[in-house]
Amino acid sequence: MGTKAPRLAPSQSPPQVFVADENSLRLLVIDDDPVHRMVIGKVGEKAGYKVSTAGTVEDAAMQISEQKFHCISLDIALNGQSGAQVLRGIARSNGDVLLFVCSSAAAEIREETISSARNLRLKVMEIPKPVDLAALRTTLVSHASIARV
């Protein structure tokens, strides 16, 4: 004889449980240096993110318009173009993203990009190059635990 599941009163609804798998969070690494893309991507994978990469403004803009990302690492100088060109696209399609401005560009340019991102209401952090990989991983893991709640 089996046991019956308890019946819910008409006003009650069953509890909704969200279970995130390891690859549910997405990180986009935008950098024209393939080594930086690879290294930051590996840190992201170890922190539990599914990683995508872009080496140009055009590739980044396309991916941002097609997918939702939880974190984006943005290099400002991309083969003579400004990574800041994708900020509006990020705000439009990934408004609740955590944006890392990861660049060795001049301080004035980094500050201007960060200010523009904040004006677009993006959550933004500066990660100077060379990247402190341990600090980046800690930040990504911390963000993942918050994003999964």
N, C-alpha and C. Protein backbone atom coordinates (compact mmCIF):
# COMPACT_ATOMS: atom_id res chain seq x y z
N MET A 1 0.83 -1.18 0.00
CA MET A 1 0.00 0.00 0.00
C MET A 1 0.87 1.24 0.00
N GLY A 2 0.66 2.10 -0.98
CA GLY A 2 1.47 3.32 -1.07
C GLY A 2 0.84 4.45 -0.29
N THR A 3 1.63 5.44 0.00
CA THR A 3 1.11 6.61 0.69
C THR A 3 0.75 7.67 -0.33
N LYS A 4 -0.30 8.39 -0.04
CA LYS A 4 -0.74 9.44 -0.95
C LYS A 4 -0.04 10.75 -0.61
N ALA A 5 0.21 11.52 -1.64
CA ALA A 5 0.78 12.86 -1.43
C ALA A 5 -0.26 13.74 -0.77
N PRO A 6 0.16 14.62 0.13
CA PRO A 6 -0.82 15.49 0.78
C PRO A 6 -1.49 16.39 -0.25
N ARG A 7 -2.75 16.65 -0.04
CA ARG A 7 -3.50 17.51 -0.95
C ARG A 7 -3.33 18.95 -0.50
N LEU A 8 -3.24 19.83 -1.50
CA LEU A 8 -3.13 21.25 -1.21
C LEU A 8 -4.51 21.88 -1.25
N ALA A 9 -4.72 22.82 -0.37
CA ALA A 9 -5.96 23.58 -0.41
C ALA A 9 -5.97 24.38 -1.71
N PRO A 10 -7.15 24.68 -2.25
CA PRO A 10 -7.22 25.40 -3.52
C PRO A 10 -6.41 26.69 -3.54
N SER A 11 -6.27 27.37 -2.41
CA SER A 11 -5.54 28.63 -2.39
C SER A 11 -4.02 28.43 -2.33
N GLN A 12 -3.58 27.20 -2.09
CA GLN A 12 -2.15 26.92 -2.00
C GLN A 12 -1.63 26.48 -3.36
N SER A 13 -0.41 26.84 -3.63
CA SER A 13 0.24 26.33 -4.84
C SER A 13 1.48 25.59 -4.40
N PRO A 14 1.90 24.60 -5.18
CA PRO A 14 3.07 23.85 -4.78
C PRO A 14 4.30 24.76 -4.76
N PRO A 15 5.24 24.51 -3.86
CA PRO A 15 6.44 25.34 -3.81
C PRO A 15 7.24 25.19 -5.10
N GLN A 16 7.78 26.29 -5.57
CA GLN A 16 8.60 26.25 -6.77
C GLN A 16 10.05 26.17 -6.35
N VAL A 17 10.74 25.22 -6.90
CA VAL A 17 12.14 25.01 -6.57
C VAL A 17 12.97 25.27 -7.81
N PHE A 18 13.94 26.15 -7.69
CA PHE A 18 14.86 26.43 -8.79
C PHE A 18 16.16 25.70 -8.53
N VAL A 19 16.53 24.85 -9.44
CA VAL A 19 17.79 24.13 -9.32
C VAL A 19 18.66 24.54 -10.50
N ALA A 20 19.76 25.20 -10.19
CA ALA A 20 20.67 25.65 -11.25
C ALA A 20 21.76 24.61 -11.43
N ASP A 21 22.06 24.30 -12.67
CA ASP A 21 23.18 23.40 -12.91
C ASP A 21 24.46 24.21 -13.03
N GLU A 22 25.57 23.53 -13.07
CA GLU A 22 26.87 24.19 -13.08
C GLU A 22 27.05 25.13 -14.27
N ASN A 23 26.38 24.87 -15.38
CA ASN A 23 26.58 25.68 -16.58
C ASN A 23 25.48 26.71 -16.79
N SER A 24 24.64 26.95 -15.79
CA SER A 24 23.54 27.88 -16.01
C SER A 24 23.98 29.33 -16.03
N LEU A 25 25.09 29.66 -15.38
CA LEU A 25 25.58 31.02 -15.39
C LEU A 25 26.55 31.20 -16.56
N ARG A 26 26.45 32.37 -17.21
CA ARG A 26 27.24 32.61 -18.42
C ARG A 26 28.16 33.82 -18.23
N LEU A 27 29.38 33.66 -18.71
CA LEU A 27 30.40 34.71 -18.68
C LEU A 27 30.86 34.97 -20.10
N LEU A 28 30.88 36.23 -20.50
CA LEU A 28 31.43 36.63 -21.79
C LEU A 28 32.73 37.37 -21.55
N VAL A 29 33.80 36.90 -22.18
CA VAL A 29 35.11 37.55 -22.07
C VAL A 29 35.37 38.27 -23.38
N ILE A 30 35.43 39.61 -23.32
CA ILE A 30 35.68 40.44 -24.51
C ILE A 30 37.08 41.00 -24.39
N ASP A 31 37.98 40.48 -25.22
CA ASP A 31 39.38 40.92 -25.19
C ASP A 31 40.02 40.56 -26.52
N ASP A 32 40.83 41.47 -27.05
CA ASP A 32 41.48 41.17 -28.33
C ASP A 32 42.71 40.30 -28.18
N ASP A 33 43.18 40.09 -26.97
CA ASP A 33 44.35 39.24 -26.71
C ASP A 33 43.87 37.82 -26.43
N PRO A 34 44.21 36.87 -27.31
CA PRO A 34 43.72 35.49 -27.12
C PRO A 34 44.19 34.86 -25.81
N VAL A 35 45.36 35.25 -25.32
CA VAL A 35 45.85 34.70 -24.05
C VAL A 35 44.97 35.19 -22.90
N HIS A 36 44.65 36.48 -22.90
CA HIS A 36 43.78 37.00 -21.85
C HIS A 36 42.40 36.35 -21.91
N ARG A 37 41.85 36.19 -23.13
CA ARG A 37 40.55 35.52 -23.26
C ARG A 37 40.61 34.12 -22.66
N MET A 38 41.68 33.39 -22.98
CA MET A 38 41.81 32.02 -22.49
C MET A 38 41.96 31.98 -20.97
N VAL A 39 42.82 32.81 -20.43
CA VAL A 39 43.09 32.78 -18.99
C VAL A 39 41.85 33.20 -18.19
N ILE A 40 41.24 34.30 -18.58
CA ILE A 40 40.03 34.75 -17.87
C ILE A 40 38.92 33.72 -18.05
N GLY A 41 38.83 33.15 -19.24
CA GLY A 41 37.83 32.10 -19.48
C GLY A 41 38.03 30.89 -18.59
N LYS A 42 39.27 30.46 -18.43
CA LYS A 42 39.55 29.31 -17.55
C LYS A 42 39.17 29.60 -16.11
N VAL A 43 39.47 30.82 -15.65
CA VAL A 43 39.08 31.21 -14.29
C VAL A 43 37.56 31.17 -14.16
N GLY A 44 36.87 31.66 -15.19
CA GLY A 44 35.41 31.63 -15.18
C GLY A 44 34.86 30.22 -15.14
N GLU A 45 35.44 29.32 -15.94
CA GLU A 45 35.00 27.92 -15.93
C GLU A 45 35.19 27.29 -14.57
N LYS A 46 36.34 27.55 -13.94
CA LYS A 46 36.60 26.99 -12.61
C LYS A 46 35.65 27.56 -11.56
N ALA A 47 35.12 28.76 -11.82
CA ALA A 47 34.17 29.37 -10.90
C ALA A 47 32.74 28.92 -11.18
N GLY A 48 32.55 28.07 -12.22
CA GLY A 48 31.24 27.51 -12.49
C GLY A 48 30.45 28.15 -13.62
N TYR A 49 31.10 28.97 -14.43
CA TYR A 49 30.41 29.65 -15.53
C TYR A 49 30.62 28.91 -16.85
N LYS A 50 29.64 29.03 -17.72
CA LYS A 50 29.82 28.64 -19.11
C LYS A 50 30.38 29.87 -19.80
N VAL A 51 31.52 29.73 -20.46
CA VAL A 51 32.26 30.87 -20.98
C VAL A 51 32.13 30.99 -22.48
N SER A 52 31.89 32.21 -22.94
CA SER A 52 31.94 32.58 -24.35
C SER A 52 32.99 33.68 -24.48
N THR A 53 33.58 33.81 -25.66
CA THR A 53 34.60 34.83 -25.85
C THR A 53 34.33 35.63 -27.12
N ALA A 54 34.85 36.86 -27.13
CA ALA A 54 34.77 37.73 -28.29
C ALA A 54 36.07 38.51 -28.37
N GLY A 55 36.61 38.63 -29.59
CA GLY A 55 37.87 39.34 -29.78
C GLY A 55 37.70 40.69 -30.46
N THR A 56 36.48 41.01 -30.90
CA THR A 56 36.24 42.27 -31.58
C THR A 56 34.95 42.90 -31.06
N VAL A 57 34.80 44.20 -31.30
CA VAL A 57 33.58 44.90 -30.93
C VAL A 57 32.38 44.28 -31.64
N GLU A 58 32.54 43.95 -32.92
CA GLU A 58 31.44 43.38 -33.69
C GLU A 58 30.99 42.03 -33.14
N ASP A 59 31.95 41.16 -32.85
CA ASP A 59 31.64 39.85 -32.30
C ASP A 59 30.96 39.99 -30.93
N ALA A 60 31.49 40.89 -30.11
CA ALA A 60 30.90 41.12 -28.79
C ALA A 60 29.46 41.60 -28.91
N ALA A 61 29.23 42.58 -29.81
CA ALA A 61 27.88 43.12 -29.99
C ALA A 61 26.91 42.04 -30.45
N MET A 62 27.36 41.17 -31.34
CA MET A 62 26.50 40.10 -31.83
C MET A 62 26.14 39.14 -30.69
N GLN A 63 27.14 38.72 -29.92
CA GLN A 63 26.86 37.77 -28.83
C GLN A 63 25.96 38.38 -27.76
N ILE A 64 26.20 39.66 -27.45
CA ILE A 64 25.39 40.33 -26.43
C ILE A 64 23.93 40.42 -26.87
N SER A 65 23.71 40.62 -28.17
CA SER A 65 22.34 40.72 -28.66
C SER A 65 21.64 39.36 -28.73
N GLU A 66 22.42 38.28 -28.80
CA GLU A 66 21.85 36.94 -28.96
C GLU A 66 21.71 36.15 -27.67
N GLN A 67 22.48 36.50 -26.63
CA GLN A 67 22.48 35.71 -25.41
C GLN A 67 22.43 36.59 -24.18
N LYS A 68 21.98 36.02 -23.10
CA LYS A 68 21.96 36.68 -21.80
C LYS A 68 23.20 36.23 -21.04
N PHE A 69 23.95 37.17 -20.51
CA PHE A 69 25.14 36.86 -19.72
C PHE A 69 24.95 37.38 -18.31
N HIS A 70 25.54 36.67 -17.35
CA HIS A 70 25.49 37.08 -15.95
C HIS A 70 26.69 37.95 -15.61
N CYS A 71 27.81 37.70 -16.27
CA CYS A 71 29.03 38.49 -16.09
C CYS A 71 29.65 38.73 -17.46
N ILE A 72 30.25 39.91 -17.60
CA ILE A 72 30.99 40.23 -18.81
C ILE A 72 32.29 40.88 -18.40
N SER A 73 33.39 40.36 -18.94
CA SER A 73 34.71 40.96 -18.75
C SER A 73 35.00 41.75 -20.02
N LEU A 74 35.22 43.05 -19.88
CA LEU A 74 35.36 43.93 -21.03
C LEU A 74 36.71 44.62 -21.04
N ASP A 75 37.50 44.34 -22.07
CA ASP A 75 38.73 45.09 -22.32
C ASP A 75 38.31 46.35 -23.08
N ILE A 76 38.89 47.47 -22.74
CA ILE A 76 38.48 48.72 -23.37
C ILE A 76 39.10 48.90 -24.75
N ALA A 77 40.36 48.51 -24.90
CA ALA A 77 41.05 48.70 -26.18
C ALA A 77 41.01 47.39 -26.96
N LEU A 78 40.25 47.37 -28.06
CA LEU A 78 40.07 46.17 -28.87
C LEU A 78 40.53 46.43 -30.29
N ASN A 79 41.78 46.15 -30.57
CA ASN A 79 42.33 46.33 -31.93
C ASN A 79 42.00 47.70 -32.52
N GLY A 80 42.26 48.74 -31.76
CA GLY A 80 42.03 50.09 -32.24
C GLY A 80 40.61 50.60 -32.06
N GLN A 81 39.70 49.75 -31.60
CA GLN A 81 38.34 50.17 -31.31
C GLN A 81 38.15 50.24 -29.81
N SER A 82 37.11 50.92 -29.38
CA SER A 82 36.82 51.04 -27.96
C SER A 82 35.80 50.00 -27.55
N GLY A 83 36.14 49.23 -26.54
CA GLY A 83 35.19 48.28 -25.98
C GLY A 83 33.97 48.97 -25.40
N ALA A 84 34.12 50.26 -25.08
CA ALA A 84 32.99 51.03 -24.54
C ALA A 84 31.85 51.13 -25.56
N GLN A 85 32.13 50.85 -26.82
CA GLN A 85 31.09 50.88 -27.85
C GLN A 85 29.98 49.87 -27.59
N VAL A 86 30.24 48.84 -26.82
CA VAL A 86 29.23 47.81 -26.58
C VAL A 86 28.42 48.05 -25.30
N LEU A 87 28.72 49.13 -24.58
CA LEU A 87 28.04 49.36 -23.31
C LEU A 87 26.52 49.50 -23.46
N ARG A 88 26.06 50.22 -24.47
CA ARG A 88 24.61 50.39 -24.66
C ARG A 88 23.94 49.05 -24.96
N GLY A 89 24.60 48.23 -25.77
CA GLY A 89 24.06 46.90 -26.06
C GLY A 89 23.99 46.04 -24.81
N ILE A 90 25.02 46.15 -23.97
CA ILE A 90 25.02 45.40 -22.71
C ILE A 90 23.85 45.85 -21.85
N ALA A 91 23.68 47.15 -21.72
CA ALA A 91 22.60 47.68 -20.88
C ALA A 91 21.23 47.29 -21.43
N ARG A 92 21.10 47.28 -22.75
CA ARG A 92 19.82 46.97 -23.38
C ARG A 92 19.44 45.50 -23.19
N SER A 93 20.38 44.57 -23.42
CA SER A 93 20.01 43.16 -23.38
C SER A 93 20.51 42.40 -22.18
N ASN A 94 21.41 42.98 -21.41
CA ASN A 94 21.96 42.29 -20.24
C ASN A 94 22.04 43.26 -19.06
N GLY A 95 20.99 44.01 -18.82
CA GLY A 95 21.01 45.09 -17.85
C GLY A 95 21.40 44.72 -16.44
N ASP A 96 21.15 43.48 -16.03
CA ASP A 96 21.49 43.10 -14.65
C ASP A 96 22.82 42.35 -14.56
N VAL A 97 23.64 42.47 -15.59
CA VAL A 97 24.94 41.82 -15.66
C VAL A 97 25.93 42.48 -14.69
N LEU A 98 26.90 41.70 -14.24
CA LEU A 98 28.04 42.27 -13.53
C LEU A 98 29.13 42.47 -14.56
N LEU A 99 29.52 43.72 -14.78
CA LEU A 99 30.50 44.07 -15.79
C LEU A 99 31.86 44.32 -15.14
N PHE A 100 32.87 43.62 -15.65
CA PHE A 100 34.24 43.85 -15.22
C PHE A 100 34.95 44.64 -16.31
N VAL A 101 35.40 45.84 -16.00
CA VAL A 101 36.23 46.57 -16.94
C VAL A 101 37.65 46.11 -16.65
N CYS A 102 38.17 45.34 -17.57
CA CYS A 102 39.46 44.66 -17.40
C CYS A 102 40.42 45.19 -18.45
N SER A 103 41.22 46.19 -18.07
CA SER A 103 42.01 46.87 -19.08
C SER A 103 43.27 47.48 -18.50
N SER A 104 44.24 47.63 -19.37
CA SER A 104 45.46 48.35 -19.00
C SER A 104 45.48 49.73 -19.67
N ALA A 105 44.32 50.17 -20.16
CA ALA A 105 44.21 51.50 -20.77
C ALA A 105 44.50 52.57 -19.72
N ALA A 106 44.75 53.77 -20.18
CA ALA A 106 45.03 54.88 -19.27
C ALA A 106 43.90 55.05 -18.26
N ALA A 107 44.25 55.48 -17.05
CA ALA A 107 43.28 55.62 -15.97
C ALA A 107 42.10 56.50 -16.38
N GLU A 108 42.35 57.57 -17.11
CA GLU A 108 41.28 58.47 -17.53
C GLU A 108 40.26 57.75 -18.42
N ILE A 109 40.75 56.90 -19.31
CA ILE A 109 39.87 56.15 -20.21
C ILE A 109 39.08 55.11 -19.43
N ARG A 110 39.74 54.41 -18.50
CA ARG A 110 39.02 53.43 -17.66
C ARG A 110 37.93 54.12 -16.85
N GLU A 111 38.26 55.26 -16.24
CA GLU A 111 37.29 55.98 -15.41
C GLU A 111 36.11 56.46 -16.25
N GLU A 112 36.38 56.93 -17.46
CA GLU A 112 35.32 57.38 -18.35
C GLU A 112 34.39 56.22 -18.72
N THR A 113 34.96 55.06 -19.02
CA THR A 113 34.16 53.89 -19.37
C THR A 113 33.32 53.43 -18.18
N ILE A 114 33.91 53.41 -17.01
CA ILE A 114 33.19 53.01 -15.80
C ILE A 114 32.05 53.99 -15.52
N SER A 115 32.31 55.27 -15.68
CA SER A 115 31.28 56.28 -15.48
C SER A 115 30.13 56.09 -16.48
N SER A 116 30.47 55.83 -17.74
CA SER A 116 29.44 55.59 -18.76
C SER A 116 28.61 54.36 -18.40
N ALA A 117 29.27 53.30 -17.94
CA ALA A 117 28.56 52.08 -17.55
C ALA A 117 27.61 52.36 -16.39
N ARG A 118 28.06 53.12 -15.43
CA ARG A 118 27.20 53.45 -14.28
C ARG A 118 26.03 54.33 -14.71
N ASN A 119 26.27 55.24 -15.64
CA ASN A 119 25.18 56.07 -16.16
C ASN A 119 24.11 55.23 -16.85
N LEU A 120 24.52 54.08 -17.39
CA LEU A 120 23.58 53.14 -18.01
C LEU A 120 22.99 52.17 -17.00
N ARG A 121 23.29 52.41 -15.72
CA ARG A 121 22.79 51.61 -14.60
C ARG A 121 23.32 50.18 -14.59
N LEU A 122 24.55 50.01 -15.07
CA LEU A 122 25.19 48.70 -15.01
C LEU A 122 25.97 48.58 -13.72
N LYS A 123 26.00 47.36 -13.17
CA LYS A 123 26.86 47.08 -12.03
C LYS A 123 28.25 46.86 -12.60
N VAL A 124 29.21 47.64 -12.18
CA VAL A 124 30.53 47.59 -12.80
C VAL A 124 31.63 47.57 -11.75
N MET A 125 32.67 46.81 -12.06
CA MET A 125 33.87 46.73 -11.22
C MET A 125 35.08 46.88 -12.13
N GLU A 126 36.14 47.43 -11.58
CA GLU A 126 37.38 47.53 -12.34
C GLU A 126 38.30 46.40 -11.92
N ILE A 127 38.83 45.70 -12.91
CA ILE A 127 39.82 44.65 -12.69
C ILE A 127 41.06 45.08 -13.50
N PRO A 128 42.05 45.64 -12.84
CA PRO A 128 43.22 46.12 -13.61
C PRO A 128 44.05 44.96 -14.16
N LYS A 129 44.72 45.23 -15.27
CA LYS A 129 45.67 44.28 -15.83
C LYS A 129 47.05 44.66 -15.33
N PRO A 130 47.90 43.72 -15.03
CA PRO A 130 47.65 42.28 -15.12
C PRO A 130 46.61 41.85 -14.09
N VAL A 131 45.79 40.91 -14.49
CA VAL A 131 44.66 40.45 -13.68
C VAL A 131 45.15 39.62 -12.51
N ASP A 132 44.63 39.92 -11.33
CA ASP A 132 44.85 39.10 -10.15
C ASP A 132 43.85 37.95 -10.26
N LEU A 133 44.31 36.80 -10.74
CA LEU A 133 43.42 35.69 -11.05
C LEU A 133 42.70 35.14 -9.82
N ALA A 134 43.39 35.11 -8.69
CA ALA A 134 42.75 34.62 -7.46
C ALA A 134 41.61 35.55 -7.05
N ALA A 135 41.84 36.85 -7.14
CA ALA A 135 40.79 37.81 -6.78
C ALA A 135 39.62 37.73 -7.76
N LEU A 136 39.93 37.55 -9.05
CA LEU A 136 38.88 37.42 -10.05
C LEU A 136 38.03 36.18 -9.77
N ARG A 137 38.68 35.07 -9.49
CA ARG A 137 37.94 33.83 -9.20
C ARG A 137 37.06 34.00 -7.97
N THR A 138 37.59 34.62 -6.92
CA THR A 138 36.81 34.85 -5.71
C THR A 138 35.58 35.70 -6.02
N THR A 139 35.75 36.74 -6.82
CA THR A 139 34.64 37.61 -7.18
C THR A 139 33.60 36.85 -8.01
N LEU A 140 34.06 36.04 -8.96
CA LEU A 140 33.13 35.27 -9.79
C LEU A 140 32.36 34.24 -8.96
N VAL A 141 33.05 33.55 -8.07
CA VAL A 141 32.39 32.56 -7.21
C VAL A 141 31.36 33.25 -6.33
N SER A 142 31.73 34.39 -5.76
CA SER A 142 30.81 35.14 -4.91
C SER A 142 29.59 35.59 -5.70
N HIS A 143 29.80 36.10 -6.90
CA HIS A 143 28.69 36.54 -7.74
C HIS A 143 27.82 35.35 -8.13
N ALA A 144 28.43 34.21 -8.42
CA ALA A 144 27.67 33.02 -8.80
C ALA A 144 26.73 32.59 -7.68
N SER A 145 27.21 32.64 -6.45
CA SER A 145 26.36 32.22 -5.33
C SER A 145 25.19 33.16 -5.15
N ILE A 146 25.39 34.45 -5.43
CA ILE A 146 24.30 35.42 -5.32
C ILE A 146 23.35 35.26 -6.49
N ALA A 147 23.89 35.09 -7.69
CA ALA A 147 23.07 34.99 -8.91
C ALA A 147 22.20 33.74 -8.92
N ARG A 148 22.65 32.71 -8.25
CA ARG A 148 21.89 31.44 -8.24
C ARG A 148 20.75 31.46 -7.25
N VAL A 149 20.72 32.44 -6.36
CA VAL A 149 19.66 32.49 -5.34
C VAL A 149 18.36 32.91 -5.96
